[in-house]
PDB file of N, CA and C in Angstrom:
ATOM      1  N   SER A   1     -37.340  29.885  11.318  1.00  0.00           N
ATOM      2  CA  SER A   1     -38.144  29.645  12.947  1.00  0.00           C
ATOM      3  C   SER A   1     -37.616  27.759  12.986  1.00  0.00           C
ATOM      4  N   ARG A   2     -38.131  27.149  13.879  1.00  0.00           N
ATOM      5  CA  ARG A   2     -38.352  26.374  14.544  1.00  0.00           C
ATOM      6  C   ARG A   2     -39.602  25.632  14.085  1.00  0.00           C
ATOM      7  N   GLU A   3     -40.397  25.935  14.627  1.00  0.00           N
ATOM      8  CA  GLU A   3     -41.811  25.770  13.945  1.00  0.00           C
ATOM      9  C   GLU A   3     -41.524  25.764  12.351  1.00  0.00           C
ATOM     10  N   LEU A   4     -41.061  26.256  11.196  1.00  0.00           N
ATOM     11  CA  LEU A   4     -41.363  26.097  10.247  1.00  0.00           C
ATOM     12  C   LEU A   4     -40.224  25.196   9.549  1.00  0.00           C
ATOM     13  N   ARG A   5     -39.450  24.546  10.514  1.00  0.00           N
ATOM     14  CA  ARG A   5     -38.728  23.621   9.444  1.00  0.00           C
ATOM     15  C   ARG A   5     -38.826  22.003  10.510  1.00  0.00           C
ATOM     16  N   LEU A   6     -39.252  22.227  11.780  1.00  0.00           N
ATOM     17  CA  LEU A   6     -39.992  21.081  11.934  1.00  0.00           C
ATOM     18  C   LEU A   6     -41.351  20.831  12.129  1.00  0.00           C
ATOM     19  N   ARG A   7     -42.130  19.776  11.444  1.00  0.00           N
ATOM     20  CA  ARG A   7     -43.179  19.287  11.421  1.00  0.00           C
ATOM     21  C   ARG A   7     -43.520  17.943  11.569  1.00  0.00           C
ATOM     22  N   ALA A   8     -43.315  18.079  13.198  1.00  0.00           N
ATOM     23  CA  ALA A   8     -44.026  16.764  13.950  1.00  0.00           C
ATOM     24  C   ALA A   8     -44.830  16.294  13.909  1.00  0.00           C
ATOM     25  N   GLU A   9     -46.013  16.391  13.515  1.00  0.00           N
ATOM     26  CA  GLU A   9     -47.667  16.450  13.096  1.00  0.00           C
ATOM     27  C   GLU A   9     -46.996  15.255  11.885  1.00  0.00           C
ATOM     28  N   ILE A  10     -46.001  15.789  10.451  1.00  0.00           N
ATOM     29  CA  ILE A  10     -45.882  15.618   9.355  1.00  0.00           C
ATOM     30  C   ILE A  10     -45.045  14.328   9.776  1.00  0.00           C
ATOM     31  N   LEU A  11     -43.754  14.076  10.525  1.00  0.00           N
ATOM     32  CA  LEU A  11     -42.479  13.635  10.463  1.00  0.00           C
ATOM     33  C   LEU A  11     -44.177  12.302  11.559  1.00  0.00           C
ATOM     34  N   ARG A  12     -44.480  12.601  12.344  1.00  0.00           N
ATOM     35  CA  ARG A  12     -45.448  11.340  12.899  1.00  0.00           C
ATOM     36  C   ARG A  12     -45.952  10.374  11.808  1.00  0.00           C
ATOM     37  N   GLY A  13     -46.126  10.931  11.347  1.00  0.00           N
ATOM     38  CA  GLY A  13     -47.540  10.338   9.567  1.00  0.00           C
ATOM     39  C   GLY A  13     -45.958   9.872   9.234  1.00  0.00           C
ATOM     40  N   LEU A  14     -45.265   9.938   8.994  1.00  0.00           N
ATOM     41  CA  LEU A  14     -43.888   9.148   8.036  1.00  0.00           C
ATOM     42  C   LEU A  14     -44.090   8.316   9.028  1.00  0.00           C
ATOM     43  N   ALA A  15     -43.837   8.264  10.632  1.00  0.00           N
ATOM     44  CA  ALA A  15     -42.416   7.142  11.585  1.00  0.00           C
ATOM     45  C   ALA A  15     -43.726   6.017  11.531  1.00  0.00           C
ATOM     46  N   ALA A  16     -45.299   6.043  11.108  1.00  0.00           N
ATOM     47  CA  ALA A  16     -46.053   6.025  11.345  1.00  0.00           C
ATOM     48  C   ALA A  16     -46.243   4.680  10.499  1.00  0.00           C
ATOM     49  N   THR A  17     -45.974   4.701   9.324  1.00  0.00           N
ATOM     50  CA  THR A  17     -46.349   3.642   8.355  1.00  0.00           C
ATOM     51  C   THR A  17     -44.971   2.671   8.123  1.00  0.00           C
ATOM     52  N   GLY A  18     -44.077   2.460   8.540  1.00  0.00           N
ATOM     53  CA  GLY A  18     -43.059   1.903   9.181  1.00  0.00           C
ATOM     54  C   GLY A  18     -42.183   1.830   7.697  1.00  0.00           C
ATOM     55  N   LYS A  19     -41.860   2.751   6.949  1.00  0.00           N
ATOM     56  CA  LYS A  19     -41.629   2.682   5.895  1.00  0.00           C
ATOM     57  C   LYS A  19     -40.375   3.957   5.469  1.00  0.00           C
ATOM     58  N   ALA A  20     -40.700   4.666   6.072  1.00  0.00           N
ATOM     59  CA  ALA A  20     -39.913   6.660   6.417  1.00  0.00           C
ATOM     60  C   ALA A  20     -38.132   5.627   6.785  1.00  0.00           C
ATOM     61  N   ASP A  21     -37.146   5.904   6.247  1.00  0.00           N
ATOM     62  CA  ASP A  21     -35.738   6.069   6.873  1.00  0.00           C
ATOM     63  C   ASP A  21     -35.817   7.240   7.335  1.00  0.00           C
ATOM     64  N   PHE A  22     -34.469   8.208   8.373  1.00  0.00           N
ATOM     65  CA  PHE A  22     -34.519   9.488   8.485  1.00  0.00           C
ATOM     66  C   PHE A  22     -32.919  10.019   8.715  1.00  0.00           C
ATOM     67  N   LYS A  23     -32.366  10.695   8.295  1.00  0.00           N
ATOM     68  CA  LYS A  23     -31.306  10.564   7.708  1.00  0.00           C
ATOM     69  C   LYS A  23     -30.917  12.243   8.136  1.00  0.00           C
ATOM     70  N   PHE A  24     -29.731  11.683   9.031  1.00  0.00           N
ATOM     71  CA  PHE A  24     -29.520  13.582   9.817  1.00  0.00           C
ATOM     72  C   PHE A  24     -27.913  13.711   9.696  1.00  0.00           C
ATOM     73  N   VAL A  25     -27.371  14.682   8.776  1.00  0.00           N
ATOM     74  CA  VAL A  25     -26.479  15.499   8.140  1.00  0.00           C
ATOM     75  C   VAL A  25     -25.683  15.507  10.163  1.00  0.00           C
ATOM     76  N   VAL A  26     -24.280  15.052  10.601  1.00  0.00           N
ATOM     77  CA  VAL A  26     -23.574  15.400  11.903  1.00  0.00           C
ATOM     78  C   VAL A  26     -22.944  15.776  11.438  1.00  0.00           C
ATOM     79  N   ASP A  27     -23.106  17.588  12.227  1.00  0.00           N
ATOM     80  CA  ASP A  27     -21.295  18.841  12.361  1.00  0.00           C
ATOM     81  C   ASP A  27     -20.881  18.443  13.478  1.00  0.00           C
ATOM     82  N   THR A  28     -21.621  18.486  14.674  1.00  0.00           N
ATOM     83  CA  THR A  28     -20.883  18.128  16.412  1.00  0.00           C
ATOM     84  C   THR A  28     -21.353  17.462  17.167  1.00  0.00           C
ATOM     85  N   GLU A  29     -20.974  17.053  18.387  1.00  0.00           N
ATOM     86  CA  GLU A  29     -22.149  16.468  18.949  1.00  0.00           C
ATOM     87  C   GLU A  29     -23.133  17.406  19.591  1.00  0.00           C
ATOM     88  N   ALA A  30     -23.172  18.528  19.771  1.00  0.00           N
ATOM     89  CA  ALA A  30     -24.616  19.305  19.565  1.00  0.00           C
ATOM     90  C   ALA A  30     -25.678  19.225  19.489  1.00  0.00           C
ATOM     91  N   ASP A  31     -25.761  18.584  17.839  1.00  0.00           N
ATOM     92  CA  ASP A  31     -26.399  18.114  16.915  1.00  0.00           C
ATOM     93  C   ASP A  31     -27.147  17.136  17.075  1.00  0.00           C
ATOM     94  N   LEU A  32     -26.535  15.960  17.894  1.00  0.00           N
ATOM     95  CA  LEU A  32     -27.155  14.862  18.875  1.00  0.00           C
ATOM     96  C   LEU A  32     -28.304  14.790  19.314  1.00  0.00           C
ATOM     97  N   GLU A  33     -28.530  16.719  20.107  1.00  0.00           N
ATOM     98  CA  GLU A  33     -29.455  16.536  21.533  1.00  0.00           C
ATOM     99  C   GLU A  33     -31.057  17.852  20.250  1.00  0.00           C
ATOM    100  N   GLU A  34     -30.583  17.581  19.060  1.00  0.00           N
ATOM    101  CA  GLU A  34     -31.566  17.975  18.613  1.00  0.00           C
ATOM    102  C   GLU A  34     -32.381  16.947  17.990  1.00  0.00           C
ATOM    103  N   ILE A  35     -31.471  15.851  17.560  1.00  0.00           N
ATOM    104  CA  ILE A  35     -31.885  15.654  17.119  1.00  0.00           C
ATOM    105  C   ILE A  35     -32.566  13.476  17.667  1.00  0.00           C
ATOM    106  N   GLY A  36     -32.381  14.657  19.180  1.00  0.00           N
ATOM    107  CA  GLY A  36     -32.596  13.140  19.786  1.00  0.00           C
ATOM    108  C   GLY A  36     -34.219  13.621  20.439  1.00  0.00           C
ATOM    109  N   GLU A  37     -33.902  14.622  19.881  1.00  0.00           N
ATOM    110  CA  GLU A  37     -35.840  15.571  20.481  1.00  0.00           C
ATOM    111  C   GLU A  37     -36.690  15.214  18.681  1.00  0.00           C
ATOM    112  N   ILE A  38     -35.933  15.704  18.679  1.00  0.00           N
ATOM    113  CA  ILE A  38     -37.342  15.191  16.954  1.00  0.00           C
ATOM    114  C   ILE A  38     -37.126  13.770  17.263  1.00  0.00           C
ATOM    115  N   VAL A  39     -36.326  12.717  17.344  1.00  0.00           N
ATOM    116  CA  VAL A  39     -36.662  11.368  16.885  1.00  0.00           C
ATOM    117  C   VAL A  39     -37.389  11.011  18.507  1.00  0.00           C
ATOM    118  N   GLU A  40     -37.609  11.649  19.295  1.00  0.00           N
ATOM    119  CA  GLU A  40     -38.617  11.281  20.680  1.00  0.00           C
ATOM    120  C   GLU A  40     -39.950  12.624  20.110  1.00  0.00           C
ATOM    121  N   ILE A  41     -40.033  13.205  19.918  1.00  0.00           N
ATOM    122  CA  ILE A  41     -41.332  14.578  19.749  1.00  0.00           C
ATOM    123  C   ILE A  41     -42.101  12.913  18.754  1.00  0.00           C
ATOM    124  N   SER A  42     -41.540  12.504  17.327  1.00  0.00           N
ATOM    125  CA  SER A  42     -42.008  12.471  16.616  1.00  0.00           C
ATOM    126  C   SER A  42     -42.510  10.371  16.723  1.00  0.00           C
ATOM    127  N   GLY A  43     -42.062  10.061  18.002  1.00  0.00           N
ATOM    128  CA  GLY A  43     -41.884   8.682  16.953  1.00  0.00           C
ATOM    129  C   GLY A  43     -40.886   8.199  16.146  1.00  0.00           C
ATOM    130  N   ILE A  44     -39.864   7.843  15.746  1.00  0.00           N
ATOM    131  CA  ILE A  44     -39.013   7.672  14.694  1.00  0.00           C
ATOM    132  C   ILE A  44     -38.750   6.033  15.762  1.00  0.00           C
ATOM    133  N   ALA A  45     -38.736   4.922  15.240  1.00  0.00           N
ATOM    134  CA  ALA A  45     -37.893   4.226  15.601  1.00  0.00           C
ATOM    135  C   ALA A  45     -36.894   4.250  15.356  1.00  0.00           C
ATOM    136  N   PRO A  46     -35.686   3.887  16.101  1.00  0.00           N
ATOM    137  CA  PRO A  46     -34.613   4.109  16.065  1.00  0.00           C
ATOM    138  C   PRO A  46     -33.767   3.133  14.798  1.00  0.00           C
ATOM    139  N   ASP A  47     -34.120   2.237  14.652  1.00  0.00           N
ATOM    140  CA  ASP A  47     -33.036   1.651  13.671  1.00  0.00           C
ATOM    141  C   ASP A  47     -33.808   2.050  12.547  1.00  0.00           C
ATOM    142  N   ARG A  48     -35.041   3.618  12.290  1.00  0.00           N
ATOM    143  CA  ARG A  48     -35.095   4.431  10.545  1.00  0.00           C
ATOM    144  C   ARG A  48     -34.334   5.248  11.377  1.00  0.00           C
ATOM    145  N   VAL A  49     -33.356   5.598  11.463  1.00  0.00           N
ATOM    146  CA  VAL A  49     -32.451   6.358  12.006  1.00  0.00           C
ATOM    147  C   VAL A  49     -30.964   6.398  11.352  1.00  0.00           C
ATOM    148  N   PHE A  50     -30.917   6.591  10.663  1.00  0.00           N
ATOM    149  CA  PHE A  50     -29.222   6.835   9.824  1.00  0.00           C
ATOM    150  C   PHE A  50     -28.469   8.134   9.915  1.00  0.00           C
ATOM    151  N   LEU A  51     -26.840   8.522  11.285  1.00  0.00           N
ATOM    152  CA  LEU A  51     -26.689   9.659  10.951  1.00  0.00           C
ATOM    153  C   LEU A  51     -25.591   9.186  10.420  1.00  0.00           C
ATOM    154  N   MET A  52     -25.434  10.759   9.439  1.00  0.00           N
ATOM    155  CA  MET A  52     -24.163  10.620   8.505  1.00  0.00           C
ATOM    156  C   MET A  52     -23.366  12.159   8.868  1.00  0.00           C
ATOM    157  N   PRO A  53     -21.564  11.762   9.038  1.00  0.00           N
ATOM    158  CA  PRO A  53     -21.266  12.746   9.349  1.00  0.00           C
ATOM    159  C   PRO A  53     -20.841  13.549   8.548  1.00  0.00           C
ATOM    160  N   LYS A  54     -20.762  15.045   8.817  1.00  0.00           N
ATOM    161  CA  LYS A  54     -20.914  16.046   7.605  1.00  0.00           C
ATOM    162  C   LYS A  54     -19.524  15.556   7.676  1.00  0.00           C
ATOM    163  N   GLY A  55     -18.599  16.421   6.548  1.00  0.00           N
ATOM    164  CA  GLY A  55     -17.511  16.729   5.819  1.00  0.00           C
ATOM    165  C   GLY A  55     -17.302  16.597   4.652  1.00  0.00           C
ATOM    166  N   VAL A  56     -16.304  17.173   3.470  1.00  0.00           N
ATOM    167  CA  VAL A  56     -16.081  16.942   2.462  1.00  0.00           C
ATOM    168  C   VAL A  56     -14.659  16.051   2.297  1.00  0.00           C
ATOM    169  N   THR A  57     -13.496  16.018   3.358  1.00  0.00           N
ATOM    170  CA  THR A  57     -12.765  15.964   3.086  1.00  0.00           C
ATOM    171  C   THR A  57     -12.934  14.212   4.052  1.00  0.00           C
ATOM    172  N   VAL A  58     -11.900  13.077   3.521  1.00  0.00           N
ATOM    173  CA  VAL A  58     -11.261  11.989   4.421  1.00  0.00           C
ATOM    174  C   VAL A  58     -11.157  12.177   5.244  1.00  0.00           C
ATOM    175  N   ASN A  59     -10.889  13.193   5.713  1.00  0.00           N
ATOM    176  CA  ASN A  59     -10.019  14.129   7.256  1.00  0.00           C
ATOM    177  C   ASN A  59     -11.335  14.080   8.255  1.00  0.00           C
ATOM    178  N   GLU A  60     -12.322  14.972   7.427  1.00  0.00           N
ATOM    179  CA  GLU A  60     -13.227  15.154   7.858  1.00  0.00           C
ATOM    180  C   GLU A  60     -14.253  14.136   8.251  1.00  0.00           C
ATOM    181  N   LEU A  61     -14.442  13.266   7.703  1.00  0.00           N
ATOM    182  CA  LEU A  61     -15.742  12.073   7.934  1.00  0.00           C
ATOM    183  C   LEU A  61     -14.552  11.533   8.694  1.00  0.00           C
ATOM    184  N   ASP A  62     -13.425  11.354   8.982  1.00  0.00           N
ATOM    185  CA  ASP A  62     -12.545  10.357   9.836  1.00  0.00           C
ATOM    186  C   ASP A  62     -12.331  10.952  11.529  1.00  0.00           C
ATOM    187  N   GLU A  63     -12.730  12.252  11.548  1.00  0.00           N
ATOM    188  CA  GLU A  63     -12.227  12.856  12.690  1.00  0.00           C
ATOM    189  C   GLU A  63     -13.899  12.697  12.763  1.00  0.00           C
ATOM    190  N   ARG A  64     -14.644  12.566  12.581  1.00  0.00           N
ATOM    191  CA  ARG A  64     -16.134  12.662  13.117  1.00  0.00           C
ATOM    192  C   ARG A  64     -16.780  11.229  13.205  1.00  0.00           C
ATOM    193  N   ALA A  65     -16.155   9.898  12.536  1.00  0.00           N
ATOM    194  CA  ALA A  65     -16.716   9.068  12.294  1.00  0.00           C
ATOM    195  C   ALA A  65     -16.562   8.073  13.689  1.00  0.00           C
ATOM    196  N   ALA A  66     -15.007   7.766  14.505  1.00  0.00           N
ATOM    197  CA  ALA A  66     -15.165   7.601  15.636  1.00  0.00           C
ATOM    198  C   ALA A  66     -16.287   7.860  16.461  1.00  0.00           C
ATOM    199  N   TRP A  67     -16.779   8.518  16.571  1.00  0.00           N
ATOM    200  CA  TRP A  67     -17.659   9.327  17.523  1.00  0.00           C
ATOM    201  C   TRP A  67     -19.611   9.316  17.790  1.00  0.00           C
ATOM    202  N   LEU A  68     -18.943   9.553  16.072  1.00  0.00           N
ATOM    203  CA  LEU A  68     -20.774   9.339  15.330  1.00  0.00           C
ATOM    204  C   LEU A  68     -21.121   7.560  15.336  1.00  0.00           C
ATOM    205  N   ALA A  69     -19.954   6.987  14.955  1.00  0.00           N
ATOM    206  CA  ALA A  69     -20.203   5.252  14.717  1.00  0.00           C
ATOM    207  C   ALA A  69     -20.940   5.257  16.821  1.00  0.00           C
ATOM    208  N   GLY A  70     -20.241   5.711  17.867  1.00  0.00           N
ATOM    209  CA  GLY A  70     -20.237   4.226  18.462  1.00  0.00           C
ATOM    210  C   GLY A  70     -21.150   4.806  19.223  1.00  0.00           C
ATOM    211  N   CYS A  71     -22.137   6.554  18.832  1.00  0.00           N
ATOM    212  CA  CYS A  71     -23.085   6.927  19.624  1.00  0.00           C
ATOM    213  C   CYS A  71     -24.324   6.165  18.982  1.00  0.00           C
ATOM    214  N   CYS A  72     -24.179   5.406  17.260  1.00  0.00           N
ATOM    215  CA  CYS A  72     -25.134   5.002  17.048  1.00  0.00           C
ATOM    216  C   CYS A  72     -25.107   3.675  17.171  1.00  0.00           C
ATOM    217  N   GLN A  73     -24.591   3.157  17.615  1.00  0.00           N
ATOM    218  CA  GLN A  73     -24.215   2.237  18.941  1.00  0.00           C
ATOM    219  C   GLN A  73     -25.061   2.427  19.640  1.00  0.00           C
ATOM    220  N   ALA A  74     -24.787   3.500  21.004  1.00  0.00           N
ATOM    221  CA  ALA A  74     -25.544   3.209  22.091  1.00  0.00           C
ATOM    222  C   ALA A  74     -26.835   3.834  21.935  1.00  0.00           C
ATOM    223  N   HIS A  75     -27.630   4.416  20.685  1.00  0.00           N
ATOM    224  CA  HIS A  75     -28.643   4.672  20.465  1.00  0.00           C
ATOM    225  C   HIS A  75     -29.742   3.713  20.100  1.00  0.00           C
ATOM    226  N   GLY A  76     -28.550   2.579  19.295  1.00  0.00           N
ATOM    227  CA  GLY A  76     -29.576   1.850  18.402  1.00  0.00           C
ATOM    228  C   GLY A  76     -30.296   2.525  17.244  1.00  0.00           C
ATOM    229  N   PHE A  77     -29.515   3.437  16.989  1.00  0.00           N
ATOM    230  CA  PHE A  77     -28.792   4.612  14.952  1.00  0.00           C
ATOM    231  C   PHE A  77     -28.115   3.390  14.600  1.00  0.00           C
ATOM    232  N   ARG A  78     -28.547   4.101  12.690  1.00  0.00           N
ATOM    233  CA  ARG A  78     -27.767   3.310  11.372  1.00  0.00           C
ATOM    234  C   ARG A  78     -26.702   4.161  11.392  1.00  0.00           C
ATOM    235  N   TYR A  79     -26.007   3.767  11.511  1.00  0.00           N
ATOM    236  CA  TYR A  79     -24.592   5.030  10.892  1.00  0.00           C
ATOM    237  C   TYR A  79     -24.243   4.442   9.565  1.00  0.00           C
ATOM    238  N   SER A  80     -24.193   6.785   8.754  1.00  0.00           N
ATOM    239  CA  SER A  80     -24.512   6.134   6.810  1.00  0.00           C
ATOM    240  C   SER A  80     -22.910   7.222   6.803  1.00  0.00           C
ATOM    241  N   ASP A  81     -21.948   6.628   5.923  1.00  0.00           N
ATOM    242  CA  ASP A  81     -20.531   6.924   5.361  1.00  0.00           C
ATOM    243  C   ASP A  81     -20.962   8.025   4.515  1.00  0.00           C
ATOM    244  N   ARG A  82     -20.496   9.229   3.899  1.00  0.00           N
ATOM    245  CA  ARG A  82     -20.745   9.430   2.828  1.00  0.00           C
ATOM    246  C   ARG A  82     -19.485   8.646   1.760  1.00  0.00           C
ATOM    247  N   LEU A  83     -19.846   7.563   0.779  1.00  0.00           N
ATOM    248  CA  LEU A  83     -19.131   6.941  -0.257  1.00  0.00           C
ATOM    249  C   LEU A  83     -18.788   8.138  -0.927  1.00  0.00           C
ATOM    250  N   HIS A  84     -19.241   8.573  -1.807  1.00  0.00           N
ATOM    251  CA  HIS A  84     -18.781   9.915  -2.596  1.00  0.00           C
ATOM    252  C   HIS A  84     -17.995  10.031  -2.292  1.00  0.00           C
ATOM    253  N   VAL A  85     -18.168  11.117  -1.282  1.00  0.00           N
ATOM    254  CA  VAL A  85     -16.720  11.715  -0.448  1.00  0.00           C
ATOM    255  C   VAL A  85     -15.555  11.397  -0.414  1.00  0.00           C
ATOM    256  N   ARG A  86     -15.668   9.865  -0.753  1.00  0.00           N
ATOM    257  CA  ARG A  86     -14.243   8.814   0.049  1.00  0.00           C
ATOM    258  C   ARG A  86     -13.359   8.758  -1.616  1.00  0.00           C
ATOM    259  N   LEU A  87     -14.914   8.333  -2.336  1.00  0.00           N
ATOM    260  CA  LEU A  87     -14.338   7.821  -3.587  1.00  0.00           C
ATOM    261  C   LEU A  87     -13.857   9.340  -4.933  1.00  0.00           C
ATOM    262  N   PHE A  88     -14.113  10.021  -3.773  1.00  0.00           N
ATOM    263  CA  PHE A  88     -14.268  10.902  -5.453  1.00  0.00           C
ATOM    264  C   PHE A  88     -14.468  12.946  -5.381  1.00  0.00           C
ATOM    265  N   GLY A  89     -14.012  12.327  -3.398  1.00  0.00           N
ATOM    266  CA  GLY A  89     -13.859  13.699  -2.927  1.00  0.00           C
ATOM    267  C   GLY A  89     -15.008  14.760  -2.871  1.00  0.00           C
ATOM    268  N   SER A  90     -15.117  16.266  -2.729  1.00  0.00           N
ATOM    269  CA  SER A  90     -15.594  16.246  -2.175  1.00  0.00           C
ATOM    270  C   SER A  90     -16.445  17.318  -4.527  1.00  0.00           C
ATOM    271  N   ARG A  91     -16.156  16.290  -5.295  1.00  0.00           N
ATOM    272  CA  ARG A  91     -16.910  17.075  -5.935  1.00  0.00           C
ATOM    273  C   ARG A  91     -18.027  16.942  -6.935  1.00  0.00           C
ATOM    274  N   ARG A  92     -18.637  18.575  -6.988  1.00  0.00           N
ATOM    275  CA  ARG A  92     -20.553  18.294  -7.110  1.00  0.00           C
ATOM    276  C   ARG A  92     -20.752  17.197  -8.848  1.00  0.00           C
ATOM    277  N   GLY A  93     -22.089  16.169  -8.467  1.00  0.00           N
ATOM    278  CA  GLY A  93     -22.453  15.881  -9.461  1.00  0.00           C
ATOM    279  C   GLY A  93     -21.779  14.586  -9.526  1.00  0.00           C
ATOM    280  N   VAL A  94     -21.146  13.822  -8.085  1.00  0.00           N
ATOM    281  CA  VAL A  94     -20.890  12.447  -8.144  1.00  0.00           C
ATOM    282  C   VAL A  94     -21.313  11.924  -7.227  1.00  0.00           C
TER     283      VAL A  94
END
């Protein structure tokens, strides 16, 4: 359930330290709505939020990268690529 996976009081405590970064893997634009809610209720500073495209191939990353990078710019979030996928493909352990 949402209550079990989203512990707002813990997220607020981590955000309040000013030392925690929050990384979200994004599959579709619909994921951005939930991320926005989490950021808002937790008081996470936008520059502590990293959005990473979901993908196991370079093509999947590229498809999501353009609109996701634009979203990061619009909201003050940071973009994080999946360099290991670009360098080594979807192999485990790299």
